[in-house]
Amino acid sequence: MKHDIKDQKDIQWMVDSFYKKVDNDEVLSPIFNNIIQGDWPKHLEKMYRFWGSMLLNQNNYQGNPLMKHLHLPIASNHFNRWVELFTTTIDEHFSGPVADHAKERAHNISKMFQQRIKDFKDNQFRMG
């Protein structure tokens, strides 16, 4: 029986399950593996803190994820696939208000990143 995301153990399970999918995905794996270059444990630790802060108000994440994505060779198909895998992971393992909030946050992050990256690239083009 599925339960809601309630603690750090659930966050770690969610993140680990999601990134196993990413690592095996033909669309996302090349992007992630090129950037992470085999240092998955470091990335996963950062994602535990990020999602713990987003979903459990742990406030132990420091960073600017948008800045890390501005120069990556990513487009809407990457974001769409990311949301699809994230949503599937949540639906496979969890059910409840926090799980629903996680899916909503992922969708909103995707939309916001896509718009900000587009704006950044448009401004670079105009100035370049």
N, C-alpha and C. Protein backbone atom coordinates (compact mmCIF):
# COMPACT_ATOMS: atom_id res chain seq x y z
N MET A 1 0.84 -1.19 0.00
CA MET A 1 0.00 0.00 0.00
C MET A 1 0.89 1.25 0.00
N LYS A 2 0.54 2.20 -0.81
CA LYS A 2 1.29 3.45 -0.91
C LYS A 2 0.97 4.36 0.26
N HIS A 3 1.98 5.13 0.66
CA HIS A 3 1.77 6.13 1.69
C HIS A 3 2.31 7.47 1.19
N ASP A 4 2.05 8.50 1.92
CA ASP A 4 2.51 9.82 1.52
C ASP A 4 3.99 9.99 1.83
N ILE A 5 4.60 10.99 1.25
CA ILE A 5 5.99 11.34 1.54
C ILE A 5 5.98 12.03 2.90
N LYS A 6 6.67 11.44 3.88
CA LYS A 6 6.54 11.96 5.24
C LYS A 6 7.87 12.26 5.93
N ASP A 7 8.98 11.71 5.43
CA ASP A 7 10.24 11.91 6.12
C ASP A 7 11.42 11.81 5.15
N GLN A 8 12.62 11.95 5.71
CA GLN A 8 13.83 11.94 4.88
C GLN A 8 14.02 10.61 4.18
N LYS A 9 13.63 9.53 4.81
CA LYS A 9 13.74 8.21 4.18
C LYS A 9 12.90 8.16 2.90
N ASP A 10 11.71 8.74 2.95
CA ASP A 10 10.85 8.79 1.76
C ASP A 10 11.46 9.67 0.67
N ILE A 11 12.04 10.80 1.09
CA ILE A 11 12.70 11.68 0.11
C ILE A 11 13.82 10.93 -0.59
N GLN A 12 14.65 10.23 0.17
CA GLN A 12 15.75 9.49 -0.42
C GLN A 12 15.25 8.39 -1.35
N TRP A 13 14.21 7.71 -0.96
CA TRP A 13 13.64 6.65 -1.81
C TRP A 13 13.13 7.27 -3.12
N MET A 14 12.42 8.39 -3.00
CA MET A 14 11.89 9.07 -4.18
C MET A 14 13.03 9.50 -5.11
N VAL A 15 14.02 10.18 -4.56
CA VAL A 15 15.14 10.69 -5.37
C VAL A 15 15.91 9.53 -6.01
N ASP A 16 16.23 8.52 -5.23
CA ASP A 16 16.98 7.38 -5.78
C ASP A 16 16.20 6.68 -6.89
N SER A 17 14.91 6.47 -6.66
CA SER A 17 14.07 5.80 -7.67
C SER A 17 13.98 6.63 -8.95
N PHE A 18 13.79 7.93 -8.78
CA PHE A 18 13.69 8.83 -9.93
C PHE A 18 14.99 8.84 -10.74
N TYR A 19 16.11 9.00 -10.06
CA TYR A 19 17.37 9.12 -10.79
C TYR A 19 17.85 7.80 -11.39
N LYS A 20 17.36 6.66 -10.89
CA LYS A 20 17.61 5.39 -11.58
C LYS A 20 16.93 5.42 -12.95
N LYS A 21 15.73 5.97 -12.99
CA LYS A 21 15.02 6.11 -14.26
C LYS A 21 15.77 7.07 -15.19
N VAL A 22 16.20 8.19 -14.64
CA VAL A 22 16.94 9.19 -15.43
C VAL A 22 18.20 8.57 -16.02
N ASP A 23 18.94 7.85 -15.19
CA ASP A 23 20.21 7.26 -15.63
C ASP A 23 20.03 6.25 -16.74
N ASN A 24 18.84 5.67 -16.83
CA ASN A 24 18.56 4.68 -17.88
C ASN A 24 17.73 5.24 -19.03
N ASP A 25 17.46 6.51 -19.02
CA ASP A 25 16.59 7.12 -20.02
C ASP A 25 17.40 7.62 -21.21
N GLU A 26 16.93 7.29 -22.41
CA GLU A 26 17.68 7.67 -23.62
C GLU A 26 17.69 9.17 -23.87
N VAL A 27 16.70 9.90 -23.37
CA VAL A 27 16.64 11.35 -23.56
C VAL A 27 17.48 12.07 -22.50
N LEU A 28 17.33 11.68 -21.24
CA LEU A 28 17.95 12.42 -20.14
C LEU A 28 19.33 11.92 -19.75
N SER A 29 19.58 10.64 -19.88
CA SER A 29 20.84 10.08 -19.42
C SER A 29 22.06 10.77 -20.04
N PRO A 30 22.08 11.03 -21.34
CA PRO A 30 23.27 11.69 -21.90
C PRO A 30 23.54 13.07 -21.29
N ILE A 31 22.49 13.82 -21.04
CA ILE A 31 22.65 15.16 -20.45
C ILE A 31 23.20 15.04 -19.03
N PHE A 32 22.53 14.24 -18.20
CA PHE A 32 22.94 14.10 -16.81
C PHE A 32 24.33 13.50 -16.68
N ASN A 33 24.61 12.45 -17.43
CA ASN A 33 25.90 11.79 -17.29
C ASN A 33 27.05 12.66 -17.81
N ASN A 34 26.78 13.51 -18.77
CA ASN A 34 27.81 14.42 -19.25
C ASN A 34 28.16 15.45 -18.18
N ILE A 35 27.17 15.93 -17.46
CA ILE A 35 27.38 16.95 -16.43
C ILE A 35 27.89 16.32 -15.13
N ILE A 36 27.27 15.25 -14.69
CA ILE A 36 27.60 14.62 -13.40
C ILE A 36 28.93 13.87 -13.48
N GLN A 37 29.22 13.33 -14.64
CA GLN A 37 30.48 12.61 -14.89
C GLN A 37 30.81 11.59 -13.82
N GLY A 38 29.84 10.74 -13.51
CA GLY A 38 30.06 9.64 -12.60
C GLY A 38 29.94 9.97 -11.12
N ASP A 39 29.73 11.23 -10.78
CA ASP A 39 29.63 11.59 -9.37
C ASP A 39 28.17 11.66 -8.93
N TRP A 40 27.45 10.56 -9.15
CA TRP A 40 26.05 10.48 -8.78
C TRP A 40 25.82 10.66 -7.28
N PRO A 41 26.66 10.09 -6.39
CA PRO A 41 26.40 10.28 -4.96
C PRO A 41 26.35 11.76 -4.56
N LYS A 42 27.23 12.57 -5.08
CA LYS A 42 27.23 14.00 -4.76
C LYS A 42 25.93 14.66 -5.25
N HIS A 43 25.52 14.33 -6.48
CA HIS A 43 24.29 14.89 -7.03
C HIS A 43 23.08 14.43 -6.21
N LEU A 44 23.03 13.16 -5.87
CA LEU A 44 21.89 12.64 -5.11
C LEU A 44 21.80 13.30 -3.74
N GLU A 45 22.92 13.50 -3.08
CA GLU A 45 22.91 14.19 -1.78
C GLU A 45 22.31 15.59 -1.91
N LYS A 46 22.69 16.28 -2.97
CA LYS A 46 22.15 17.62 -3.21
C LYS A 46 20.64 17.55 -3.45
N MET A 47 20.19 16.54 -4.19
CA MET A 47 18.77 16.40 -4.48
C MET A 47 17.98 15.99 -3.24
N TYR A 48 18.57 15.21 -2.33
CA TYR A 48 17.90 14.90 -1.07
C TYR A 48 17.60 16.20 -0.32
N ARG A 49 18.61 17.09 -0.27
CA ARG A 49 18.42 18.36 0.43
C ARG A 49 17.42 19.25 -0.29
N PHE A 50 17.50 19.29 -1.63
CA PHE A 50 16.58 20.12 -2.40
C PHE A 50 15.14 19.70 -2.16
N TRP A 51 14.85 18.41 -2.37
CA TRP A 51 13.47 17.96 -2.25
C TRP A 51 13.01 17.92 -0.80
N GLY A 52 13.91 17.68 0.14
CA GLY A 52 13.56 17.77 1.55
C GLY A 52 13.13 19.18 1.91
N SER A 53 13.83 20.16 1.35
CA SER A 53 13.45 21.56 1.58
C SER A 53 12.13 21.90 0.91
N MET A 54 11.94 21.40 -0.30
CA MET A 54 10.72 21.70 -1.05
C MET A 54 9.49 21.07 -0.42
N LEU A 55 9.62 19.84 0.05
CA LEU A 55 8.44 19.08 0.47
C LEU A 55 8.27 18.95 1.98
N LEU A 56 9.36 19.00 2.72
CA LEU A 56 9.28 18.79 4.17
C LEU A 56 9.76 20.00 4.96
N ASN A 57 9.98 21.11 4.27
CA ASN A 57 10.43 22.35 4.92
C ASN A 57 11.68 22.17 5.76
N GLN A 58 12.61 21.37 5.27
CA GLN A 58 13.83 21.11 6.03
C GLN A 58 14.83 22.27 5.97
N ASN A 59 14.72 23.09 4.96
CA ASN A 59 15.57 24.28 4.81
C ASN A 59 17.06 23.99 4.94
N ASN A 60 17.51 22.90 4.35
CA ASN A 60 18.93 22.59 4.39
C ASN A 60 19.56 22.57 3.00
N TYR A 61 18.85 23.10 2.03
CA TYR A 61 19.40 23.21 0.68
C TYR A 61 19.87 24.63 0.45
N GLN A 62 21.08 24.76 -0.03
CA GLN A 62 21.59 26.05 -0.44
C GLN A 62 22.09 25.91 -1.86
N GLY A 63 21.67 26.81 -2.69
CA GLY A 63 22.11 26.76 -4.08
C GLY A 63 21.12 27.49 -4.96
N ASN A 64 21.51 27.61 -6.20
CA ASN A 64 20.66 28.24 -7.20
C ASN A 64 20.54 27.28 -8.37
N PRO A 65 19.54 26.40 -8.34
CA PRO A 65 19.45 25.38 -9.39
C PRO A 65 19.27 25.96 -10.79
N LEU A 66 18.60 27.09 -10.90
CA LEU A 66 18.43 27.69 -12.23
C LEU A 66 19.77 28.00 -12.86
N MET A 67 20.68 28.58 -12.10
CA MET A 67 21.99 28.94 -12.63
C MET A 67 22.73 27.73 -13.17
N LYS A 68 22.54 26.58 -12.54
CA LYS A 68 23.21 25.35 -12.98
C LYS A 68 22.67 24.86 -14.33
N HIS A 69 21.48 25.32 -14.71
CA HIS A 69 20.84 24.83 -15.91
C HIS A 69 20.91 25.79 -17.10
N LEU A 70 21.28 27.03 -16.88
CA LEU A 70 21.21 28.05 -17.92
C LEU A 70 22.03 27.71 -19.17
N HIS A 71 23.17 27.10 -18.99
CA HIS A 71 24.06 26.85 -20.13
C HIS A 71 24.01 25.42 -20.64
N LEU A 72 23.10 24.63 -20.12
CA LEU A 72 23.00 23.24 -20.56
C LEU A 72 22.28 23.14 -21.91
N PRO A 73 22.64 22.13 -22.69
CA PRO A 73 21.96 21.91 -23.98
C PRO A 73 20.63 21.18 -23.78
N ILE A 74 19.67 21.89 -23.17
CA ILE A 74 18.39 21.28 -22.87
C ILE A 74 17.26 22.09 -23.50
N ALA A 75 16.19 21.38 -23.81
CA ALA A 75 15.03 22.00 -24.46
C ALA A 75 13.76 21.43 -23.84
N SER A 76 12.64 21.83 -24.39
CA SER A 76 11.35 21.42 -23.81
C SER A 76 11.19 19.91 -23.75
N ASN A 77 11.72 19.18 -24.72
CA ASN A 77 11.58 17.71 -24.69
C ASN A 77 12.29 17.12 -23.46
N HIS A 78 13.39 17.72 -23.03
CA HIS A 78 14.09 17.24 -21.84
C HIS A 78 13.26 17.52 -20.59
N PHE A 79 12.70 18.72 -20.51
CA PHE A 79 11.87 19.05 -19.36
C PHE A 79 10.61 18.20 -19.32
N ASN A 80 10.00 17.99 -20.46
CA ASN A 80 8.78 17.16 -20.51
C ASN A 80 9.08 15.73 -20.04
N ARG A 81 10.20 15.20 -20.48
CA ARG A 81 10.58 13.85 -20.09
C ARG A 81 10.89 13.79 -18.59
N TRP A 82 11.58 14.83 -18.09
CA TRP A 82 11.92 14.92 -16.67
C TRP A 82 10.64 14.88 -15.82
N VAL A 83 9.66 15.69 -16.19
CA VAL A 83 8.38 15.72 -15.46
C VAL A 83 7.67 14.38 -15.56
N GLU A 84 7.69 13.79 -16.75
CA GLU A 84 7.04 12.49 -16.93
C GLU A 84 7.65 11.43 -16.02
N LEU A 85 8.97 11.34 -15.99
CA LEU A 85 9.63 10.35 -15.14
C LEU A 85 9.41 10.64 -13.66
N PHE A 86 9.45 11.92 -13.30
CA PHE A 86 9.23 12.30 -11.90
C PHE A 86 7.82 11.93 -11.46
N THR A 87 6.84 12.27 -12.27
CA THR A 87 5.44 11.97 -11.95
C THR A 87 5.22 10.46 -11.85
N THR A 88 5.78 9.72 -12.78
CA THR A 88 5.66 8.26 -12.75
C THR A 88 6.26 7.69 -11.48
N THR A 89 7.42 8.20 -11.09
CA THR A 89 8.08 7.73 -9.87
C THR A 89 7.21 7.98 -8.65
N ILE A 90 6.68 9.18 -8.54
CA ILE A 90 5.80 9.50 -7.41
C ILE A 90 4.59 8.58 -7.40
N ASP A 91 3.94 8.45 -8.55
CA ASP A 91 2.72 7.64 -8.62
C ASP A 91 2.98 6.17 -8.32
N GLU A 92 4.16 5.68 -8.66
CA GLU A 92 4.48 4.28 -8.38
C GLU A 92 4.67 4.01 -6.89
N HIS A 93 5.15 5.00 -6.14
CA HIS A 93 5.57 4.74 -4.77
C HIS A 93 4.76 5.45 -3.69
N PHE A 94 4.10 6.56 -4.04
CA PHE A 94 3.49 7.39 -3.02
C PHE A 94 2.08 7.83 -3.40
N SER A 95 1.32 8.19 -2.37
CA SER A 95 -0.02 8.72 -2.57
C SER A 95 -0.35 9.61 -1.38
N GLY A 96 -0.87 10.81 -1.67
CA GLY A 96 -1.26 11.72 -0.60
C GLY A 96 -0.98 13.16 -0.96
N PRO A 97 -1.28 14.08 -0.06
CA PRO A 97 -1.13 15.51 -0.35
C PRO A 97 0.32 15.94 -0.63
N VAL A 98 1.29 15.38 0.09
CA VAL A 98 2.68 15.77 -0.15
C VAL A 98 3.14 15.21 -1.49
N ALA A 99 2.74 14.01 -1.81
CA ALA A 99 3.06 13.41 -3.11
C ALA A 99 2.46 14.25 -4.23
N ASP A 100 1.22 14.68 -4.06
CA ASP A 100 0.59 15.54 -5.07
C ASP A 100 1.33 16.87 -5.19
N HIS A 101 1.75 17.41 -4.05
CA HIS A 101 2.50 18.66 -4.04
C HIS A 101 3.85 18.49 -4.75
N ALA A 102 4.48 17.34 -4.58
CA ALA A 102 5.76 17.06 -5.25
C ALA A 102 5.58 17.12 -6.77
N LYS A 103 4.52 16.49 -7.26
CA LYS A 103 4.27 16.49 -8.71
C LYS A 103 3.98 17.90 -9.20
N GLU A 104 3.21 18.65 -8.43
CA GLU A 104 2.91 20.04 -8.79
C GLU A 104 4.18 20.88 -8.81
N ARG A 105 5.03 20.71 -7.80
CA ARG A 105 6.29 21.47 -7.75
C ARG A 105 7.17 21.14 -8.94
N ALA A 106 7.28 19.86 -9.28
CA ALA A 106 8.10 19.46 -10.43
C ALA A 106 7.58 20.11 -11.71
N HIS A 107 6.29 20.09 -11.89
CA HIS A 107 5.69 20.71 -13.07
C HIS A 107 5.98 22.22 -13.10
N ASN A 108 5.81 22.88 -11.96
CA ASN A 108 6.06 24.32 -11.89
C ASN A 108 7.53 24.67 -12.10
N ILE A 109 8.42 23.87 -11.52
CA ILE A 109 9.86 24.08 -11.72
C ILE A 109 10.19 23.94 -13.20
N SER A 110 9.65 22.94 -13.84
CA SER A 110 9.89 22.72 -15.26
C SER A 110 9.46 23.93 -16.09
N LYS A 111 8.26 24.40 -15.85
CA LYS A 111 7.74 25.55 -16.61
C LYS A 111 8.58 26.80 -16.36
N MET A 112 8.93 27.05 -15.09
CA MET A 112 9.70 28.23 -14.74
C MET A 112 11.10 28.16 -15.35
N PHE A 113 11.76 27.01 -15.25
CA PHE A 113 13.09 26.87 -15.82
C PHE A 113 13.05 27.07 -17.33
N GLN A 114 12.08 26.48 -17.98
CA GLN A 114 11.99 26.64 -19.44
C GLN A 114 11.85 28.10 -19.83
N GLN A 115 11.00 28.83 -19.13
CA GLN A 115 10.80 30.24 -19.45
C GLN A 115 12.06 31.06 -19.16
N ARG A 116 12.68 30.82 -18.02
CA ARG A 116 13.87 31.60 -17.65
C ARG A 116 15.05 31.28 -18.57
N ILE A 117 15.19 30.03 -18.96
CA ILE A 117 16.27 29.66 -19.88
C ILE A 117 16.02 30.31 -21.24
N LYS A 118 14.78 30.30 -21.69
CA LYS A 118 14.44 30.95 -22.96
C LYS A 118 14.76 32.44 -22.88
N ASP A 119 14.35 33.10 -21.80
CA ASP A 119 14.63 34.52 -21.62
C ASP A 119 16.13 34.78 -21.61
N PHE A 120 16.89 33.94 -20.93
CA PHE A 120 18.34 34.09 -20.85
C PHE A 120 18.96 33.97 -22.24
N LYS A 121 18.56 32.95 -22.98
CA LYS A 121 19.12 32.74 -24.33
C LYS A 121 18.70 33.85 -25.28
N ASP A 122 17.46 34.33 -25.16
CA ASP A 122 17.00 35.45 -25.98
C ASP A 122 17.82 36.69 -25.70
N ASN A 123 18.11 36.96 -24.43
CA ASN A 123 18.91 38.14 -24.07
C ASN A 123 20.34 38.01 -24.56
N GLN A 124 20.90 36.81 -24.48
CA GLN A 124 22.26 36.58 -24.99
C GLN A 124 22.31 36.83 -26.49
N PHE A 125 21.28 36.36 -27.20
CA PHE A 125 21.23 36.53 -28.65
C PHE A 125 21.16 38.01 -29.01
N ARG A 126 20.33 38.76 -28.30
CA ARG A 126 20.19 40.19 -28.57
C ARG A 126 21.47 40.96 -28.28
N MET A 127 22.19 40.53 -27.23
CA MET A 127 23.41 41.25 -26.84
C MET A 127 24.63 40.78 -27.61
N GLY A 128 24.55 39.57 -28.19
CA GLY A 128 25.72 38.98 -28.85
C GLY A 128 25.80 39.39 -30.26
